[in-house]
Amino acid sequence: MSTIQKAFIFIVVVLAVLTAAVTLVLFAQRTNWKVEYDKQTGALKDTQKQLDTTKKDLAAANDAHAAKVAELESKIGSLTTQLTTATNDLDSVRADKAHMETIANDLTASFNILTKKMDVLAQRTAELQTAKEAAEKTLEEVKAAATGAREQLAISERRARDLAVQVDDLTKEAASREDRMKVLQQKIDILASFAPPVGPSIAPATKQPVFGKITGLSKDGSTAFLSVGSDDGVVKDMLLLIYKSDGTYVAKAKVYDVAADKAAARIVKPAVGTIAEGDNVTNE
């Protein structure tokens, strides 16, 4: 016999021995296996029932989960839509914010410019108010001056009328005196033809009324310088009346020096007023 055959026979013998041993053991414990089988069968049935119940619960849970998932997916879709809308709104708000910031900056710049213009306008208004007040003051002064001028004009017109009356009276008086002087001169000529002259010489009467002004006075005030001379009818030793612009009589003066357009006269005392440059003179 070969070694392989011997090994094969040995294996068969070992297997036969093991089979016999297992048969004996199973035969010895067959009742226990049956009980255990029944027990395991019952447990298996319970387990199957539990499995069925669990499957049903799992199916229900799956259905609920699917519904919940569908609900969550719906909510997610709604929230996604809302998020998209909110994102768009946020972008719009950001754009509006940027636009509003630009407008705010423009308004701030415009406000600053307007503030500066308001300051300039306020300053100009103050200047105009000051100018207005000055103009009103000047206007009041002008009105007062105009009123005074009208009053002065009225006074001057009244004085001019009074002076015209006085001049007319003086002219008439001068004409009357001239007539009397002619008569007196005739008498003097008649007397002079019979006797030598006695006493101071008498100045010949002027042929026209004289009207002039005092252009100056000597330092002691005894001599008045006149704006009229021989061309105006002034002669040496002529007596002149000195009076103010309102016709008030002041004094008399006697001419002692005559030129063509001016003359000098000494004041005859006493004077009833103050003689000043600009006072009027006329012949008696």
Protein backbone atom coordinates (compact mmCIF):
# COMPACT_ATOMS: atom_id res chain seq x y z
CA MET A 1 0.00 0.00 0.00
CA SER A 2 1.23 3.39 -0.77
CA THR A 3 1.48 6.24 1.70
CA ILE A 4 -1.43 8.09 0.14
CA GLN A 5 -3.69 5.11 0.50
CA LYS A 6 -2.62 4.74 4.09
CA ALA A 7 -3.40 8.37 4.76
CA PHE A 8 -6.74 8.09 3.05
CA ILE A 9 -7.68 5.04 5.12
CA PHE A 10 -6.60 6.83 8.26
CA ILE A 11 -8.79 9.82 7.41
CA VAL A 12 -11.77 7.55 6.72
CA VAL A 13 -11.29 5.82 10.04
CA VAL A 14 -11.06 9.13 11.87
CA LEU A 15 -14.17 10.40 10.17
CA ALA A 16 -16.02 7.17 11.02
CA VAL A 17 -15.00 7.52 14.63
CA LEU A 18 -16.11 11.17 14.69
CA THR A 19 -19.40 10.29 13.05
CA ALA A 20 -20.07 7.60 15.60
CA ALA A 21 -19.21 10.00 18.40
CA VAL A 22 -21.53 12.66 17.08
CA THR A 23 -24.30 10.10 16.61
CA LEU A 24 -23.94 9.00 20.18
CA VAL A 25 -24.01 12.56 21.47
CA LEU A 26 -27.04 13.49 19.42
CA PHE A 27 -28.84 10.40 20.47
CA ALA A 28 -28.06 11.13 24.07
CA GLN A 29 -29.31 14.80 23.81
CA ARG A 30 -32.17 14.53 21.30
CA THR A 31 -34.85 15.49 23.88
CA ASN A 32 -33.02 18.70 24.81
CA TRP A 33 -32.68 19.65 21.18
CA LYS A 34 -36.40 19.30 20.63
CA VAL A 35 -37.28 21.49 23.59
CA GLU A 36 -34.74 24.01 22.50
CA TYR A 37 -36.06 23.79 18.97
CA ASP A 38 -39.59 24.48 20.17
CA LYS A 39 -38.35 27.28 22.33
CA GLN A 40 -36.33 28.79 19.53
CA THR A 41 -39.26 28.32 17.16
CA GLY A 42 -41.53 30.25 19.52
CA ALA A 43 -38.90 32.86 20.00
CA LEU A 44 -38.49 33.01 16.25
CA LYS A 45 -42.23 33.50 15.83
CA ASP A 46 -42.20 36.25 18.46
CA THR A 47 -39.22 37.78 16.79
CA GLN A 48 -41.04 37.53 13.45
CA LYS A 49 -44.06 39.25 14.95
CA GLN A 50 -41.83 41.93 16.40
CA LEU A 51 -40.08 42.20 13.06
CA ASP A 52 -43.43 42.59 11.30
CA THR A 53 -44.48 45.18 13.85
CA THR A 54 -41.13 46.90 13.52
CA LYS A 55 -41.46 46.81 9.73
CA LYS A 56 -44.90 48.39 10.00
CA ASP A 57 -43.56 50.96 12.46
CA LEU A 58 -40.58 51.51 10.22
CA ALA A 59 -42.86 51.87 7.18
CA ALA A 60 -45.02 54.32 9.12
CA ALA A 61 -41.89 56.08 10.29
CA ASN A 62 -40.61 56.14 6.72
CA ASP A 63 -43.92 57.56 5.54
CA ALA A 64 -43.87 60.14 8.31
CA HIS A 65 -40.24 60.86 7.58
CA ALA A 66 -41.01 61.19 3.87
CA ALA A 67 -43.90 63.55 4.70
CA LYS A 68 -41.65 65.46 7.08
CA VAL A 69 -38.91 65.55 4.46
CA ALA A 70 -41.42 66.75 1.86
CA GLU A 71 -42.67 69.36 4.32
CA LEU A 72 -39.11 70.43 5.11
CA GLU A 73 -38.24 70.49 1.42
CA SER A 74 -41.31 72.64 0.83
CA LYS A 75 -40.27 74.91 3.69
CA ILE A 76 -36.71 74.91 2.37
CA GLY A 77 -38.04 75.87 -1.07
CA SER A 78 -40.19 78.60 0.46
CA LEU A 79 -37.30 79.78 2.60
CA THR A 80 -35.03 79.64 -0.45
CA THR A 81 -37.52 81.76 -2.37
CA GLN A 82 -37.81 84.13 0.60
CA LEU A 83 -34.03 84.19 0.90
CA THR A 84 -33.71 84.97 -2.80
CA THR A 85 -36.35 87.70 -2.46
CA ALA A 86 -34.68 89.02 0.69
CA THR A 87 -31.31 88.95 -1.07
CA ASN A 88 -32.75 90.87 -4.00
CA ASP A 89 -34.44 93.27 -1.59
CA LEU A 90 -31.15 93.64 0.30
CA ASP A 91 -29.32 94.37 -2.93
CA SER A 92 -32.03 96.88 -3.81
CA VAL A 93 -31.83 98.40 -0.34
CA ARG A 94 -28.06 98.57 -0.62
CA ALA A 95 -28.38 100.25 -4.01
CA ASP A 96 -31.01 102.61 -2.57
CA LYS A 97 -28.73 103.25 0.41
CA ALA A 98 -25.83 104.09 -1.89
CA HIS A 99 -28.14 106.33 -3.94
CA MET A 100 -29.47 107.96 -0.77
CA GLU A 101 -25.93 108.45 0.50
CA THR A 102 -25.06 110.13 -2.80
CA ILE A 103 -28.17 112.31 -2.52
CA ALA A 104 -27.32 113.03 1.13
CA ASN A 105 -23.80 114.06 0.15
CA ASP A 106 -25.18 116.26 -2.63
CA LEU A 107 -27.71 117.75 -0.22
CA THR A 108 -24.99 118.31 2.38
CA ALA A 109 -22.85 120.09 -0.21
CA SER A 110 -25.87 122.10 -1.37
CA PHE A 111 -26.72 122.91 2.25
CA ASN A 112 -23.16 124.09 2.88
CA ILE A 113 -23.29 126.24 -0.25
CA LEU A 114 -26.73 127.52 0.75
CA THR A 115 -25.43 128.25 4.27
CA LYS A 116 -22.57 130.27 2.81
CA LYS A 117 -24.99 132.09 0.52
CA MET A 118 -27.30 132.71 3.48
CA ASP A 119 -24.35 134.15 5.43
CA VAL A 120 -23.47 136.37 2.47
CA LEU A 121 -27.15 137.29 2.10
CA ALA A 122 -27.40 138.06 5.82
CA GLN A 123 -24.28 140.22 5.59
CA ARG A 124 -25.63 141.92 2.47
CA THR A 125 -29.01 142.36 4.20
CA ALA A 126 -27.27 143.93 7.18
CA GLU A 127 -25.32 146.22 4.83
CA LEU A 128 -28.53 147.10 2.96
CA GLN A 129 -30.31 147.68 6.28
CA THR A 130 -27.47 149.95 7.38
CA ALA A 131 -27.57 151.71 4.01
CA LYS A 132 -31.36 151.95 4.28
CA GLU A 133 -31.11 153.45 7.76
CA ALA A 134 -28.42 155.86 6.52
CA ALA A 135 -30.58 156.70 3.48
CA GLU A 136 -33.63 157.18 5.70
CA LYS A 137 -31.56 159.38 7.99
CA THR A 138 -30.23 161.29 5.00
CA LEU A 139 -33.77 161.52 3.62
CA GLU A 140 -35.00 162.88 6.94
CA GLU A 141 -32.13 165.35 6.93
CA VAL A 142 -32.93 166.27 3.33
CA LYS A 143 -36.61 166.63 4.21
CA ALA A 144 -35.67 168.75 7.22
CA ALA A 145 -33.29 170.75 5.05
CA ALA A 146 -35.97 171.07 2.38
CA THR A 147 -38.48 172.15 5.00
CA GLY A 148 -35.93 174.61 6.37
CA ALA A 149 -35.13 175.72 2.82
CA ARG A 150 -38.84 176.21 2.09
CA GLU A 151 -39.23 178.11 5.32
CA GLN A 152 -36.08 180.10 4.55
CA LEU A 153 -37.38 180.65 1.00
CA ALA A 154 -40.68 181.84 2.40
CA ILE A 155 -38.81 184.12 4.79
CA SER A 156 -36.55 185.27 1.94
CA GLU A 157 -39.55 185.89 -0.29
CA ARG A 158 -41.23 187.81 2.50
CA ARG A 159 -38.02 189.74 3.14
CA ALA A 160 -37.66 190.31 -0.61
CA ARG A 161 -41.21 191.67 -0.74
CA ASP A 162 -40.49 193.82 2.31
CA LEU A 163 -37.18 194.86 0.79
CA ALA A 164 -38.92 195.63 -2.51
CA VAL A 165 -41.41 197.77 -0.61
CA GLN A 166 -38.54 199.42 1.26
CA VAL A 167 -36.64 199.91 -1.97
CA ASP A 168 -39.71 201.37 -3.59
CA ASP A 169 -40.20 203.64 -0.58
CA LEU A 170 -36.50 204.53 -0.59
CA THR A 171 -36.67 205.13 -4.33
CA LYS A 172 -39.62 207.43 -3.86
CA GLU A 173 -37.89 209.09 -0.92
CA ALA A 174 -34.69 209.40 -2.95
CA ALA A 175 -36.63 210.97 -5.81
CA SER A 176 -38.27 213.35 -3.36
CA ARG A 177 -34.93 214.17 -1.78
CA GLU A 178 -33.40 214.58 -5.20
CA ASP A 179 -36.08 217.12 -6.01
CA ARG A 180 -35.44 218.86 -2.71
CA MET A 181 -31.68 218.74 -3.34
CA LYS A 182 -32.22 220.31 -6.75
CA VAL A 183 -34.22 223.10 -5.17
CA LEU A 184 -31.59 223.47 -2.43
CA GLN A 185 -28.79 223.44 -5.00
CA GLN A 186 -30.55 226.17 -6.93
CA LYS A 187 -30.78 228.18 -3.75
CA ILE A 188 -27.12 227.51 -2.99
CA ASP A 189 -26.15 228.54 -6.51
CA ILE A 190 -28.12 231.74 -6.07
CA LEU A 191 -26.50 232.40 -2.71
CA ALA A 192 -23.07 231.47 -4.05
CA SER A 193 -23.44 234.07 -6.70
CA PHE A 194 -23.77 236.76 -4.00
CA ALA A 195 -21.40 235.46 -1.28
CA PRO A 196 -18.46 233.13 -0.82
CA PRO A 197 -19.30 229.63 0.34
CA VAL A 198 -19.55 229.07 4.09
CA GLY A 199 -19.34 225.71 5.93
CA PRO A 200 -18.64 222.20 4.52
CA SER A 201 -19.30 221.41 0.90
CA ILE A 202 -22.37 219.40 0.03
CA ALA A 203 -22.03 216.44 -2.28
CA PRO A 204 -24.12 216.63 -5.39
CA ALA A 205 -27.12 214.38 -5.40
CA THR A 206 -26.85 211.15 -7.33
CA LYS A 207 -29.11 210.60 -10.25
CA GLN A 208 -29.89 206.93 -9.42
CA PRO A 209 -30.47 204.71 -6.33
CA VAL A 210 -27.44 202.80 -5.11
CA PHE A 211 -27.58 199.19 -3.81
CA GLY A 212 -24.49 197.26 -2.75
CA LYS A 213 -22.89 195.14 -0.04
CA ILE A 214 -20.08 195.45 2.46
CA THR A 215 -17.18 193.36 1.17
CA GLY A 216 -14.90 193.95 4.18
CA LEU A 217 -14.16 195.97 7.29
CA SER A 218 -11.01 197.53 8.69
CA LYS A 219 -9.43 195.97 11.78
CA ASP A 220 -10.92 198.60 14.08
CA GLY A 221 -14.32 198.34 12.34
CA SER A 222 -14.44 202.06 11.54
CA THR A 223 -14.18 201.68 7.78
CA ALA A 224 -16.40 199.64 5.45
CA PHE A 225 -15.35 198.55 1.99
CA LEU A 226 -18.19 198.52 -0.55
CA SER A 227 -18.98 196.45 -3.68
CA VAL A 228 -20.21 199.51 -5.62
CA GLY A 229 -18.34 202.51 -7.04
CA SER A 230 -18.70 205.49 -9.29
CA ASP A 231 -20.07 203.34 -12.10
CA ASP A 232 -22.99 202.53 -9.79
CA GLY A 233 -23.64 206.17 -8.87
CA VAL A 234 -21.48 206.41 -5.73
CA VAL A 235 -19.79 209.78 -5.17
CA LYS A 236 -17.47 211.12 -2.52
CA ASP A 237 -19.10 212.29 0.74
CA MET A 238 -22.27 210.35 -0.07
CA LEU A 239 -24.15 209.10 2.99
CA LEU A 240 -25.16 205.44 2.81
CA LEU A 241 -27.57 203.42 4.96
CA ILE A 242 -26.30 200.04 6.28
CA TYR A 243 -28.98 197.39 6.96
CA LYS A 244 -29.30 193.63 7.45
CA SER A 245 -30.81 191.19 4.96
CA ASP A 246 -34.10 191.31 6.91
CA GLY A 247 -34.22 195.10 6.47
CA THR A 248 -33.05 195.98 10.01
CA TYR A 249 -31.23 199.33 10.06
CA VAL A 250 -27.69 199.22 11.55
CA ALA A 251 -25.78 202.45 10.88
CA LYS A 252 -24.76 205.13 8.40
CA ALA A 253 -21.49 205.46 6.48
CA LYS A 254 -19.92 208.41 4.62
CA VAL A 255 -17.99 207.72 1.43
CA TYR A 256 -14.46 209.15 1.44
CA ASP A 257 -12.82 207.21 -1.42
CA VAL A 258 -14.42 206.13 -4.71
CA ALA A 259 -13.22 203.91 -7.57
CA ALA A 260 -15.08 202.70 -10.64
CA ASP A 261 -16.37 199.46 -9.09
CA LYS A 262 -15.70 199.91 -5.36
CA ALA A 263 -15.62 202.49 -2.61
CA ALA A 264 -14.63 203.02 1.03
CA ALA A 265 -16.80 204.69 3.67
CA ARG A 266 -16.31 205.63 7.32
CA ILE A 267 -18.93 204.47 9.81
CA VAL A 268 -20.93 207.34 11.27
CA LYS A 269 -21.44 206.93 15.01
CA PRO A 270 -23.46 205.87 16.80
CA ALA A 271 -24.35 202.48 15.22
CA VAL A 272 -27.48 200.67 16.45
CA GLY A 273 -26.22 197.18 15.63
CA THR A 274 -23.23 195.08 14.69
CA ILE A 275 -21.84 195.70 11.23
CA ALA A 276 -20.64 192.60 9.42
CA GLU A 277 -19.37 191.61 6.00
CA GLY A 278 -22.30 190.91 3.67
CA ASP A 279 -24.57 193.62 5.11
CA ASN A 280 -26.46 195.72 2.55
CA VAL A 281 -25.93 199.41 1.73
CA THR A 282 -28.04 201.94 -0.12
CA ASN A 283 -28.09 205.68 -0.49
CA GLU A 284 -30.41 207.89 1.49
